Amino acid sequence: MATLARNLFVFRSFTSKFKLLPELNVTPIQSHVRNSSYVASEKEKSSDSYTTFHKVSSENWKYVEQLLPSATIPSFPLKEDYPSGWTPPADSGLDLPFFVPRNKNHMMPVYLNFEAIRRERKITIVRHIEGDIWELERRLKAHLDKVNNKTTVSQVHEVAMFIKFKGDHVSIVREWLINCGF
């Protein structure tokens, strides 16, 4: 510290010939304090500083329950024909070595994905496949080849349980899975 003061004095006396330096006003700089441990963190404030709450009567709870989403999706109503064209799963799909379950909304897990630059490449994806995924890919690929009169490129992801087909084949794949009983 003494060396610093002496150097400042010498510097001031040397520069005083040229121009006067203002006096140094040394104040400690406040730095941000990080509470990285429990001991250094702020202590809990009294309960008066927190937001208060009040109890709602149980009579009004029935109105709140109407606004909450249902915990489970109800089963679909059985009809002869549905106006949307939707069909319920049949029991004939249980005999096959593979199984494609419906999603929670009772829809087929067949999706169209756009990939690559400018989203030009259309990819049909069948998800949530259980059982022999290679047999499903072989049968679906044979069906698509027959319908389109050309070879269809496919990719099987056995761990993630999905199959990708190059092109827009969503309606053909859904119809084929429904005819199989899924």
Protein backbone atom coordinates (compact mmCIF):
# COMPACT_ATOMS: atom_id res chain seq x y z
CA MET A 1 0.00 0.00 0.00
CA ALA A 2 2.86 2.34 0.87
CA THR A 3 4.50 1.60 -2.47
CA LEU A 4 1.29 2.45 -4.30
CA ALA A 5 0.92 5.76 -2.46
CA ARG A 6 4.57 6.68 -3.14
CA ASN A 7 4.17 5.84 -6.83
CA LEU A 8 1.02 7.96 -7.04
CA PHE A 9 2.88 10.86 -5.36
CA VAL A 10 5.75 10.57 -7.80
CA PHE A 11 3.32 10.30 -10.68
CA ARG A 12 1.38 13.38 -9.48
CA SER A 13 4.49 15.41 -8.89
CA PHE A 14 5.83 14.44 -12.31
CA THR A 15 2.59 15.21 -14.11
CA SER A 16 1.82 18.38 -12.14
CA LYS A 17 4.15 20.19 -14.43
CA PHE A 18 1.95 19.33 -17.36
CA LYS A 19 -1.59 19.21 -15.94
CA LEU A 20 -3.30 18.75 -12.62
CA LEU A 21 -4.87 15.43 -11.82
CA PRO A 22 -8.07 15.35 -9.78
CA GLU A 23 -7.89 13.90 -6.31
CA LEU A 24 -8.70 10.21 -6.09
CA ASN A 25 -11.91 9.53 -4.24
CA VAL A 26 -11.59 5.89 -3.21
CA THR A 27 -14.93 4.20 -2.47
CA PRO A 28 -15.44 0.44 -2.25
CA ILE A 29 -17.30 -1.05 -5.23
CA GLN A 30 -20.40 -3.04 -4.37
CA SER A 31 -20.36 -6.35 -6.19
CA HIS A 32 -23.26 -8.73 -6.63
CA VAL A 33 -23.42 -11.26 -3.82
CA ARG A 34 -24.10 -14.84 -4.84
CA ASN A 35 -25.71 -16.98 -2.21
CA SER A 36 -24.22 -20.27 -3.24
CA SER A 37 -24.66 -21.99 0.07
CA TYR A 38 -27.47 -22.40 2.54
CA VAL A 39 -25.62 -20.51 5.26
CA ALA A 40 -25.00 -17.46 3.04
CA SER A 41 -28.55 -17.31 1.65
CA GLU A 42 -31.21 -14.94 2.89
CA LYS A 43 -33.14 -16.05 5.91
CA GLU A 44 -36.86 -16.76 5.64
CA LYS A 45 -39.07 -13.77 6.17
CA SER A 46 -42.00 -13.70 8.53
CA SER A 47 -45.30 -15.13 7.32
CA ASP A 48 -46.82 -11.62 7.22
CA SER A 49 -44.66 -10.68 4.21
CA TYR A 50 -46.11 -13.45 2.02
CA THR A 51 -49.39 -13.44 0.12
CA THR A 52 -52.40 -14.37 2.15
CA PHE A 53 -55.09 -16.78 1.03
CA HIS A 54 -58.64 -17.56 1.95
CA LYS A 55 -60.60 -20.77 1.93
CA VAL A 56 -63.23 -21.40 -0.70
CA SER A 57 -66.36 -23.09 0.49
CA SER A 58 -66.84 -26.67 -0.68
CA GLU A 59 -70.23 -25.71 -2.13
CA ASN A 60 -68.50 -23.67 -4.88
CA TRP A 61 -66.03 -26.46 -5.72
CA LYS A 62 -68.55 -28.15 -8.05
CA TYR A 63 -68.29 -25.13 -10.39
CA VAL A 64 -64.50 -25.37 -10.44
CA GLU A 65 -64.62 -29.11 -11.26
CA GLN A 66 -66.66 -28.34 -14.38
CA LEU A 67 -63.81 -26.18 -15.68
CA LEU A 68 -61.03 -28.71 -15.02
CA PRO A 69 -60.12 -31.15 -17.82
CA SER A 70 -61.16 -34.72 -17.22
CA ALA A 71 -58.48 -37.02 -15.83
CA THR A 72 -59.24 -39.76 -18.35
CA ILE A 73 -60.58 -39.69 -21.85
CA PRO A 74 -63.96 -41.38 -21.99
CA SER A 75 -64.41 -44.44 -24.16
CA PHE A 76 -65.92 -43.88 -27.56
CA PRO A 77 -69.66 -44.42 -28.09
CA LEU A 78 -70.48 -47.52 -30.12
CA LYS A 79 -72.48 -46.76 -33.26
CA GLU A 80 -72.99 -48.40 -36.63
CA ASP A 81 -71.61 -45.46 -38.58
CA TYR A 82 -69.82 -42.26 -37.56
CA PRO A 83 -70.32 -39.01 -39.54
CA SER A 84 -66.58 -38.24 -39.54
CA GLY A 85 -65.68 -41.60 -41.10
CA TRP A 86 -63.89 -42.74 -37.94
CA THR A 87 -64.03 -46.46 -37.18
CA PRO A 88 -63.42 -48.16 -33.84
CA PRO A 89 -60.68 -50.78 -33.60
CA ALA A 90 -61.70 -54.36 -34.39
CA ASP A 91 -60.58 -57.54 -32.66
CA SER A 92 -59.02 -58.96 -35.82
CA GLY A 93 -55.78 -56.99 -35.22
CA LEU A 94 -54.98 -58.99 -32.10
CA ASP A 95 -53.94 -62.08 -34.11
CA LEU A 96 -51.09 -60.33 -35.96
CA PRO A 97 -47.44 -60.43 -34.75
CA PHE A 98 -47.43 -56.62 -34.45
CA PHE A 99 -49.78 -54.10 -32.86
CA VAL A 100 -50.37 -50.39 -33.50
CA PRO A 101 -52.37 -48.95 -30.58
CA ARG A 102 -54.51 -45.86 -30.98
CA ASN A 103 -53.45 -42.69 -29.21
CA LYS A 104 -55.32 -41.24 -26.22
CA ASN A 105 -57.87 -39.61 -28.51
CA HIS A 106 -58.64 -42.95 -30.22
CA MET A 107 -56.89 -41.88 -33.45
CA MET A 108 -54.36 -43.81 -35.55
CA PRO A 109 -50.72 -42.76 -34.83
CA VAL A 110 -49.94 -42.04 -38.51
CA TYR A 111 -48.50 -38.60 -39.20
CA LEU A 112 -47.12 -36.55 -42.10
CA ASN A 113 -43.82 -34.80 -41.42
CA PHE A 114 -42.04 -32.24 -43.62
CA GLU A 115 -38.23 -32.47 -43.52
CA ALA A 116 -35.12 -31.09 -45.25
CA ILE A 117 -34.43 -27.66 -46.66
CA ARG A 118 -37.55 -25.58 -47.35
CA ARG A 119 -39.57 -28.49 -45.94
CA GLU A 120 -39.86 -30.11 -49.38
CA ARG A 121 -39.50 -33.75 -48.37
CA LYS A 122 -42.71 -35.41 -47.16
CA ILE A 123 -42.30 -38.29 -44.72
CA THR A 124 -45.12 -40.54 -43.47
CA ILE A 125 -44.48 -41.76 -39.90
CA VAL A 126 -46.21 -44.66 -38.11
CA ARG A 127 -45.54 -44.43 -34.35
CA HIS A 128 -46.02 -46.54 -31.20
CA ILE A 129 -45.54 -49.90 -32.92
CA GLU A 130 -45.46 -52.92 -30.62
CA GLY A 131 -44.31 -56.41 -31.52
CA ASP A 132 -42.57 -57.41 -34.76
CA ILE A 133 -41.85 -54.01 -36.31
CA TRP A 134 -39.96 -55.59 -39.24
CA GLU A 135 -42.98 -57.67 -40.25
CA LEU A 136 -45.20 -54.57 -40.20
CA GLU A 137 -42.66 -52.68 -42.33
CA ARG A 138 -42.47 -55.56 -44.82
CA ARG A 139 -46.27 -55.83 -45.18
CA LEU A 140 -46.85 -52.06 -45.35
CA LYS A 141 -44.05 -51.60 -47.87
CA ALA A 142 -45.48 -54.38 -50.09
CA HIS A 143 -48.92 -52.73 -49.91
CA LEU A 144 -47.52 -49.27 -50.76
CA ASP A 145 -45.48 -50.69 -53.64
CA LYS A 146 -48.59 -52.35 -55.04
CA VAL A 147 -50.77 -49.22 -54.67
CA ASN A 148 -48.18 -46.75 -56.03
CA ASN A 149 -46.69 -49.07 -58.68
CA LYS A 150 -43.18 -48.10 -57.55
CA THR A 151 -40.71 -48.96 -54.80
CA THR A 152 -41.24 -47.11 -51.52
CA VAL A 153 -38.25 -46.15 -49.41
CA SER A 154 -38.64 -46.85 -45.69
CA GLN A 155 -36.67 -46.54 -42.46
CA VAL A 156 -37.30 -48.58 -39.31
CA HIS A 157 -36.32 -47.23 -35.89
CA GLU A 158 -36.65 -50.27 -33.67
CA VAL A 159 -35.76 -48.58 -30.36
CA ALA A 160 -38.12 -45.60 -30.79
CA MET A 161 -40.81 -47.92 -32.26
CA PHE A 162 -41.63 -46.04 -35.46
CA ILE A 163 -41.36 -46.48 -39.23
CA LYS A 164 -40.79 -43.71 -41.78
CA PHE A 165 -41.94 -43.94 -45.41
CA LYS A 166 -40.78 -41.46 -48.03
CA GLY A 167 -43.76 -39.63 -49.51
CA ASP A 168 -47.28 -38.69 -48.47
CA HIS A 169 -48.95 -42.06 -47.78
CA VAL A 170 -50.94 -41.12 -44.65
CA SER A 171 -54.41 -41.93 -45.97
CA ILE A 172 -53.25 -45.22 -47.56
CA VAL A 173 -51.45 -46.36 -44.38
CA ARG A 174 -54.40 -45.41 -42.13
CA GLU A 175 -56.84 -47.27 -44.35
CA TRP A 176 -54.58 -50.35 -44.40
CA LEU A 177 -54.18 -50.32 -40.59
CA ILE A 178 -57.95 -49.98 -40.11
CA ASN A 179 -58.54 -52.89 -42.47
CA CYS A 180 -56.07 -54.95 -40.40
CA GLY A 181 -58.19 -54.27 -37.30
CA PHE A 182 -56.26 -51.55 -35.51
